[in-house]
Amino acid sequence: MPASTIVIQRRDGSAAQHVRVVLGFPSGNTDDCYTDAYGQAVVEHSSVGRATVYVSGRSCGSFHAPGKYAVTI
């Protein structure tokens, strides 16, 4: 199953821990995933292509999945 890594950091550069991440595809959304101590969430998904990144329910951009995407909150 494909997986994408989402890296979330705070404006001060620190890792954003325990933050909810969901990827949205035209076919539907992934299950909730949470960032680890390094601010990384590995989200497994069955779809490939353009994905919208939702962080704590807020849209934070899009990327081509599978892949890696960084977000600053």
PDB file of N, CA and C in Angstrom:
ATOM      1  N   MET A   1       0.847  -1.179   0.000  1.00  0.00           N
ATOM      2  CA  MET A   1       0.000   0.000   0.000  1.00  0.00           C
ATOM      3  C   MET A   1       0.893   1.242   0.000  1.00  0.00           C
ATOM      4  N   PRO A   2       0.598   2.228  -0.856  1.00  0.00           N
ATOM      5  CA  PRO A   2       1.387   3.455  -0.874  1.00  0.00           C
ATOM      6  C   PRO A   2       1.284   4.202   0.459  1.00  0.00           C
ATOM      7  N   ALA A   3       2.305   4.974   0.756  1.00  0.00           N
ATOM      8  CA  ALA A   3       2.304   5.801   1.961  1.00  0.00           C
ATOM      9  C   ALA A   3       2.988   7.121   1.654  1.00  0.00           C
ATOM     10  N   SER A   4       2.534   8.158   2.325  1.00  0.00           N
ATOM     11  CA  SER A   4       3.131   9.484   2.193  1.00  0.00           C
ATOM     12  C   SER A   4       3.548   9.979   3.564  1.00  0.00           C
ATOM     13  N   THR A   5       4.625  10.753   3.602  1.00  0.00           N
ATOM     14  CA  THR A   5       5.109  11.313   4.853  1.00  0.00           C
ATOM     15  C   THR A   5       4.783  12.805   4.886  1.00  0.00           C
ATOM     16  N   ILE A   6       4.095  13.208   5.937  1.00  0.00           N
ATOM     17  CA  ILE A   6       3.766  14.616   6.149  1.00  0.00           C
ATOM     18  C   ILE A   6       4.577  15.081   7.351  1.00  0.00           C
ATOM     19  N   VAL A   7       5.335  16.152   7.173  1.00  0.00           N
ATOM     20  CA  VAL A   7       6.171  16.701   8.240  1.00  0.00           C
ATOM     21  C   VAL A   7       5.578  18.042   8.657  1.00  0.00           C
ATOM     22  N   ILE A   8       5.294  18.162   9.946  1.00  0.00           N
ATOM     23  CA  ILE A   8       4.665  19.392  10.445  1.00  0.00           C
ATOM     24  C   ILE A   8       5.554  20.013  11.503  1.00  0.00           C
ATOM     25  N   GLN A   9       5.843  21.293  11.296  1.00  0.00           N
ATOM     26  CA  GLN A   9       6.611  22.026  12.297  1.00  0.00           C
ATOM     27  C   GLN A   9       5.886  23.312  12.653  1.00  0.00           C
ATOM     28  N   ARG A  10       6.191  23.797  13.823  1.00  0.00           N
ATOM     29  CA  ARG A  10       5.608  25.066  14.276  1.00  0.00           C
ATOM     30  C   ARG A  10       6.451  26.214  13.724  1.00  0.00           C
ATOM     31  N   ARG A  11       5.902  27.411  13.787  1.00  0.00           N
ATOM     32  CA  ARG A  11       6.613  28.584  13.233  1.00  0.00           C
ATOM     33  C   ARG A  11       7.976  28.804  13.878  1.00  0.00           C
ATOM     34  N   ASP A  12       8.141  28.365  15.125  1.00  0.00           N
ATOM     35  CA  ASP A  12       9.439  28.523  15.795  1.00  0.00           C
ATOM     36  C   ASP A  12      10.432  27.437  15.394  1.00  0.00           C
ATOM     37  N   GLY A  13      10.013  26.525  14.496  1.00  0.00           N
ATOM     38  CA  GLY A  13      10.885  25.469  14.004  1.00  0.00           C
ATOM     39  C   GLY A  13      10.803  24.167  14.773  1.00  0.00           C
ATOM     40  N   SER A  14      10.053  24.144  15.866  1.00  0.00           N
ATOM     41  CA  SER A  14       9.928  22.908  16.640  1.00  0.00           C
ATOM     42  C   SER A  14       8.956  21.937  15.976  1.00  0.00           C
ATOM     43  N   ALA A  15       9.140  20.664  16.254  1.00  0.00           N
ATOM     44  CA  ALA A  15       8.269  19.628  15.700  1.00  0.00           C
ATOM     45  C   ALA A  15       6.885  19.720  16.332  1.00  0.00           C
ATOM     46  N   ALA A  16       5.854  19.604  15.513  1.00  0.00           N
ATOM     47  CA  ALA A  16       4.474  19.621  16.001  1.00  0.00           C
ATOM     48  C   ALA A  16       4.065  18.181  16.298  1.00  0.00           C
ATOM     49  N   GLN A  17       4.013  17.834  17.568  1.00  0.00           N
ATOM     50  CA  GLN A  17       3.705  16.470  17.996  1.00  0.00           C
ATOM     51  C   GLN A  17       2.211  16.273  18.205  1.00  0.00           C
ATOM     52  N   HIS A  18       1.752  15.040  17.961  1.00  0.00           N
ATOM     53  CA  HIS A  18       0.362  14.634  18.230  1.00  0.00           C
ATOM     54  C   HIS A  18      -0.666  15.480  17.486  1.00  0.00           C
ATOM     55  N   VAL A  19      -0.356  15.842  16.248  1.00  0.00           N
ATOM     56  CA  VAL A  19      -1.257  16.638  15.412  1.00  0.00           C
ATOM     57  C   VAL A  19      -1.944  15.698  14.418  1.00  0.00           C
ATOM     58  N   ARG A  20      -3.252  15.872  14.249  1.00  0.00           N
ATOM     59  CA  ARG A  20      -4.034  15.000  13.364  1.00  0.00           C
ATOM     60  C   ARG A  20      -3.815  15.389  11.907  1.00  0.00           C
ATOM     61  N   VAL A  21      -3.547  14.385  11.066  1.00  0.00           N
ATOM     62  CA  VAL A  21      -3.315  14.573   9.636  1.00  0.00           C
ATOM     63  C   VAL A  21      -4.240  13.630   8.863  1.00  0.00           C
ATOM     64  N   VAL A  22      -4.880  14.171   7.821  1.00  0.00           N
ATOM     65  CA  VAL A  22      -5.716  13.385   6.923  1.00  0.00           C
ATOM     66  C   VAL A  22      -5.375  13.810   5.505  1.00  0.00           C
ATOM     67  N   LEU A  23      -5.313  12.857   4.588  1.00  0.00           N
ATOM     68  CA  LEU A  23      -5.134  13.176   3.172  1.00  0.00           C
ATOM     69  C   LEU A  23      -6.478  13.003   2.483  1.00  0.00           C
ATOM     70  N   GLY A  24      -6.823  13.967   1.645  1.00  0.00           N
ATOM     71  CA  GLY A  24      -8.061  13.902   0.887  1.00  0.00           C
ATOM     72  C   GLY A  24      -7.787  13.659  -0.583  1.00  0.00           C
ATOM     73  N   PHE A  25      -8.396  12.615  -1.121  1.00  0.00           N
ATOM     74  CA  PHE A  25      -8.304  12.274  -2.537  1.00  0.00           C
ATOM     75  C   PHE A  25      -9.689  12.408  -3.151  1.00  0.00           C
ATOM     76  N   PRO A  26      -9.801  12.516  -4.483  1.00  0.00           N
ATOM     77  CA  PRO A  26     -11.122  12.557  -5.115  1.00  0.00           C
ATOM     78  C   PRO A  26     -11.996  11.356  -4.731  1.00  0.00           C
ATOM     79  N   SER A  27     -11.347  10.225  -4.445  1.00  0.00           N
ATOM     80  CA  SER A  27     -12.093   9.013  -4.086  1.00  0.00           C
ATOM     81  C   SER A  27     -12.452   8.943  -2.603  1.00  0.00           C
ATOM     82  N   GLY A  28     -11.958   9.887  -1.804  1.00  0.00           N
ATOM     83  CA  GLY A  28     -12.263   9.902  -0.376  1.00  0.00           C
ATOM     84  C   GLY A  28     -11.042  10.233   0.469  1.00  0.00           C
ATOM     85  N   ASN A  29     -11.256  10.285   1.773  1.00  0.00           N
ATOM     86  CA  ASN A  29     -10.191  10.652   2.709  1.00  0.00           C
ATOM     87  C   ASN A  29      -9.561   9.421   3.348  1.00  0.00           C
ATOM     88  N   THR A  30      -8.322   9.589   3.796  1.00  0.00           N
ATOM     89  CA  THR A  30      -7.640   8.544   4.554  1.00  0.00           C
ATOM     90  C   THR A  30      -8.149   8.554   5.991  1.00  0.00           C
ATOM     91  N   ASP A  31      -7.772   7.534   6.726  1.00  0.00           N
ATOM     92  CA  ASP A  31      -8.027   7.519   8.160  1.00  0.00           C
ATOM     93  C   ASP A  31      -7.143   8.567   8.828  1.00  0.00           C
ATOM     94  N   ASP A  32      -7.542   8.977  10.034  1.00  0.00           N
ATOM     95  CA  ASP A  32      -6.724   9.913  10.804  1.00  0.00           C
ATOM     96  C   ASP A  32      -5.362   9.292  11.095  1.00  0.00           C
ATOM     97  N   CYS A  33      -4.347  10.131  11.085  1.00  0.00           N
ATOM     98  CA  CYS A  33      -2.999   9.740  11.438  1.00  0.00           C
ATOM     99  C   CYS A  33      -2.448  10.871  12.300  1.00  0.00           C
ATOM    100  N   TYR A  34      -1.543  10.576  13.217  1.00  0.00           N
ATOM    101  CA  TYR A  34      -1.012  11.606  14.115  1.00  0.00           C
ATOM    102  C   TYR A  34       0.495  11.688  14.010  1.00  0.00           C
ATOM    103  N   THR A  35       1.026  12.906  14.143  1.00  0.00           N
ATOM    104  CA  THR A  35       2.468  13.101  14.064  1.00  0.00           C
ATOM    105  C   THR A  35       3.154  12.511  15.298  1.00  0.00           C
ATOM    106  N   ASP A  36       4.397  12.108  15.080  1.00  0.00           N
ATOM    107  CA  ASP A  36       5.200  11.540  16.159  1.00  0.00           C
ATOM    108  C   ASP A  36       6.027  12.637  16.833  1.00  0.00           C
ATOM    109  N   ALA A  37       6.997  12.248  17.630  1.00  0.00           N
ATOM    110  CA  ALA A  37       7.839  13.195  18.361  1.00  0.00           C
ATOM    111  C   ALA A  37       8.664  14.085  17.439  1.00  0.00           C
ATOM    112  N   TYR A  38       8.827  13.656  16.180  1.00  0.00           N
ATOM    113  CA  TYR A  38       9.602  14.434  15.208  1.00  0.00           C
ATOM    114  C   TYR A  38       8.710  15.255  14.285  1.00  0.00           C
ATOM    115  N   GLY A  39       7.409  15.254  14.545  1.00  0.00           N
ATOM    116  CA  GLY A  39       6.475  15.996  13.703  1.00  0.00           C
ATOM    117  C   GLY A  39       6.148  15.305  12.396  1.00  0.00           C
ATOM    118  N   GLN A  40       6.410  14.014  12.309  1.00  0.00           N
ATOM    119  CA  GLN A  40       6.161  13.273  11.076  1.00  0.00           C
ATOM    120  C   GLN A  40       4.975  12.330  11.221  1.00  0.00           C
ATOM    121  N   ALA A  41       4.161  12.285  10.194  1.00  0.00           N
ATOM    122  CA  ALA A  41       3.055  11.334  10.126  1.00  0.00           C
ATOM    123  C   ALA A  41       3.202  10.558   8.826  1.00  0.00           C
ATOM    124  N   VAL A  42       3.202   9.239   8.916  1.00  0.00           N
ATOM    125  CA  VAL A  42       3.249   8.391   7.726  1.00  0.00           C
ATOM    126  C   VAL A  42       1.812   7.924   7.485  1.00  0.00           C
ATOM    127  N   VAL A  43       1.237   8.407   6.390  1.00  0.00           N
ATOM    128  CA  VAL A  43      -0.171   8.151   6.087  1.00  0.00           C
ATOM    129  C   VAL A  43      -0.254   7.132   4.957  1.00  0.00           C
ATOM    130  N   GLU A  44      -0.853   5.991   5.247  1.00  0.00           N
ATOM    131  CA  GLU A  44      -1.065   4.981   4.212  1.00  0.00           C
ATOM    132  C   GLU A  44      -2.336   5.316   3.452  1.00  0.00           C
ATOM    133  N   HIS A  45      -2.304   5.067   2.135  1.00  0.00           N
ATOM    134  CA  HIS A  45      -3.465   5.378   1.300  1.00  0.00           C
ATOM    135  C   HIS A  45      -3.508   4.431   0.113  1.00  0.00           C
ATOM    136  N   SER A  46      -4.708   4.191  -0.377  1.00  0.00           N
ATOM    137  CA  SER A  46      -4.850   3.299  -1.529  1.00  0.00           C
ATOM    138  C   SER A  46      -4.856   4.062  -2.849  1.00  0.00           C
ATOM    139  N   SER A  47      -5.090   5.363  -2.789  1.00  0.00           N
ATOM    140  CA  SER A  47      -5.121   6.192  -4.000  1.00  0.00           C
ATOM    141  C   SER A  47      -3.745   6.762  -4.304  1.00  0.00           C
ATOM    142  N   VAL A  48      -3.543   7.114  -5.563  1.00  0.00           N
ATOM    143  CA  VAL A  48      -2.314   7.759  -6.022  1.00  0.00           C
ATOM    144  C   VAL A  48      -2.737   8.984  -6.820  1.00  0.00           C
ATOM    145  N   GLY A  49      -2.003  10.078  -6.647  1.00  0.00           N
ATOM    146  CA  GLY A  49      -2.326  11.296  -7.382  1.00  0.00           C
ATOM    147  C   GLY A  49      -2.421  12.496  -6.459  1.00  0.00           C
ATOM    148  N   ARG A  50      -3.144  13.507  -6.896  1.00  0.00           N
ATOM    149  CA  ARG A  50      -3.251  14.757  -6.146  1.00  0.00           C
ATOM    150  C   ARG A  50      -3.980  14.516  -4.834  1.00  0.00           C
ATOM    151  N   ALA A  51      -3.360  14.952  -3.725  1.00  0.00           N
ATOM    152  CA  ALA A  51      -3.955  14.792  -2.397  1.00  0.00           C
ATOM    153  C   ALA A  51      -3.931  16.137  -1.672  1.00  0.00           C
ATOM    154  N   THR A  52      -5.017  16.461  -1.021  1.00  0.00           N
ATOM    155  CA  THR A  52      -5.083  17.648  -0.171  1.00  0.00           C
ATOM    156  C   THR A  52      -4.692  17.227   1.237  1.00  0.00           C
ATOM    157  N   VAL A  53      -3.848  18.030   1.878  1.00  0.00           N
ATOM    158  CA  VAL A  53      -3.397  17.746   3.242  1.00  0.00           C
ATOM    159  C   VAL A  53      -4.266  18.533   4.215  1.00  0.00           C
ATOM    160  N   TYR A  54      -4.878  17.818   5.147  1.00  0.00           N
ATOM    161  CA  TYR A  54      -5.679  18.443   6.202  1.00  0.00           C
ATOM    162  C   TYR A  54      -4.953  18.243   7.523  1.00  0.00           C
ATOM    163  N   VAL A  55      -4.684  19.349   8.201  1.00  0.00           N
ATOM    164  CA  VAL A  55      -4.022  19.315   9.499  1.00  0.00           C
ATOM    165  C   VAL A  55      -5.005  19.856  10.520  1.00  0.00           C
ATOM    166  N   SER A  56      -5.380  19.008  11.461  1.00  0.00           N
ATOM    167  CA  SER A  56      -6.385  19.358  12.475  1.00  0.00           C
ATOM    168  C   SER A  56      -7.649  19.910  11.817  1.00  0.00           C
ATOM    169  N   GLY A  57      -8.031  19.313  10.684  1.00  0.00           N
ATOM    170  CA  GLY A  57      -9.253  19.680   9.992  1.00  0.00           C
ATOM    171  C   GLY A  57      -9.152  20.862   9.036  1.00  0.00           C
ATOM    172  N   ARG A  58      -7.973  21.475   8.926  1.00  0.00           N
ATOM    173  CA  ARG A  58      -7.788  22.650   8.070  1.00  0.00           C
ATOM    174  C   ARG A  58      -6.952  22.282   6.846  1.00  0.00           C
ATOM    175  N   SER A  59      -7.393  22.694   5.679  1.00  0.00           N
ATOM    176  CA  SER A  59      -6.658  22.437   4.447  1.00  0.00           C
ATOM    177  C   SER A  59      -5.334  23.205   4.470  1.00  0.00           C
ATOM    178  N   CYS A  60      -4.237  22.493   4.187  1.00  0.00           N
ATOM    179  CA  CYS A  60      -2.907  23.104   4.236  1.00  0.00           C
ATOM    180  C   CYS A  60      -2.113  22.860   2.965  1.00  0.00           C
ATOM    181  N   GLY A  61      -2.792  22.768   1.823  1.00  0.00           N
ATOM    182  CA  GLY A  61      -2.103  22.596   0.560  1.00  0.00           C
ATOM    183  C   GLY A  61      -2.307  21.216  -0.020  1.00  0.00           C
ATOM    184  N   SER A  62      -1.644  20.972  -1.143  1.00  0.00           N
ATOM    185  CA  SER A  62      -1.772  19.680  -1.805  1.00  0.00           C
ATOM    186  C   SER A  62      -0.443  19.290  -2.440  1.00  0.00           C
ATOM    187  N   PHE A  63      -0.318  18.006  -2.760  1.00  0.00           N
ATOM    188  CA  PHE A  63       0.900  17.472  -3.364  1.00  0.00           C
ATOM    189  C   PHE A  63       0.540  16.203  -4.125  1.00  0.00           C
ATOM    190  N   HIS A  64       1.497  15.669  -4.863  1.00  0.00           N
ATOM    191  CA  HIS A  64       1.284  14.427  -5.597  1.00  0.00           C
ATOM    192  C   HIS A  64       1.708  13.263  -4.705  1.00  0.00           C
ATOM    193  N   ALA A  65       0.758  12.393  -4.393  1.00  0.00           N
ATOM    194  CA  ALA A  65       1.015  11.262  -3.493  1.00  0.00           C
ATOM    195  C   ALA A  65       1.159   9.978  -4.290  1.00  0.00           C
ATOM    196  N   PRO A  66       2.020   9.055  -3.889  1.00  0.00           N
ATOM    197  CA  PRO A  66       2.774   9.121  -2.647  1.00  0.00           C
ATOM    198  C   PRO A  66       3.948  10.093  -2.766  1.00  0.00           C
ATOM    199  N   GLY A  67       4.349  10.585  -1.626  1.00  0.00           N
ATOM    200  CA  GLY A  67       5.445  11.534  -1.592  1.00  0.00           C
ATOM    201  C   GLY A  67       5.619  12.088  -0.190  1.00  0.00           C
ATOM    202  N   LYS A  68       6.300  13.218  -0.111  1.00  0.00           N
ATOM    203  CA  LYS A  68       6.587  13.868   1.169  1.00  0.00           C
ATOM    204  C   LYS A  68       6.145  15.319   1.049  1.00  0.00           C
ATOM    205  N   TYR A  69       5.552  15.841   2.118  1.00  0.00           N
ATOM    206  CA  TYR A  69       5.052  17.205   2.095  1.00  0.00           C
ATOM    207  C   TYR A  69       5.292  17.837   3.463  1.00  0.00           C
ATOM    208  N   ALA A  70       5.743  19.079   3.485  1.00  0.00           N
ATOM    209  CA  ALA A  70       6.024  19.790   4.734  1.00  0.00           C
ATOM    210  C   ALA A  70       5.007  20.906   4.940  1.00  0.00           C
ATOM    211  N   VAL A  71       4.585  21.056   6.197  1.00  0.00           N
ATOM    212  CA  VAL A  71       3.599  22.069   6.568  1.00  0.00           C
ATOM    213  C   VAL A  71       4.129  22.810   7.797  1.00  0.00           C
ATOM    214  N   THR A  72       3.965  24.114   7.798  1.00  0.00           N
ATOM    215  CA  THR A  72       4.286  24.922   8.976  1.00  0.00           C
ATOM    216  C   THR A  72       2.972  25.462   9.534  1.00  0.00           C
ATOM    217  N   ILE A  73       2.771  25.248  10.836  1.00  0.00           N
ATOM    218  CA  ILE A  73       1.544  25.743  11.477  1.00  0.00           C
ATOM    219  C   ILE A  73       1.869  26.752  12.554  1.00  0.00           C
TER     220      ILE A  73
END
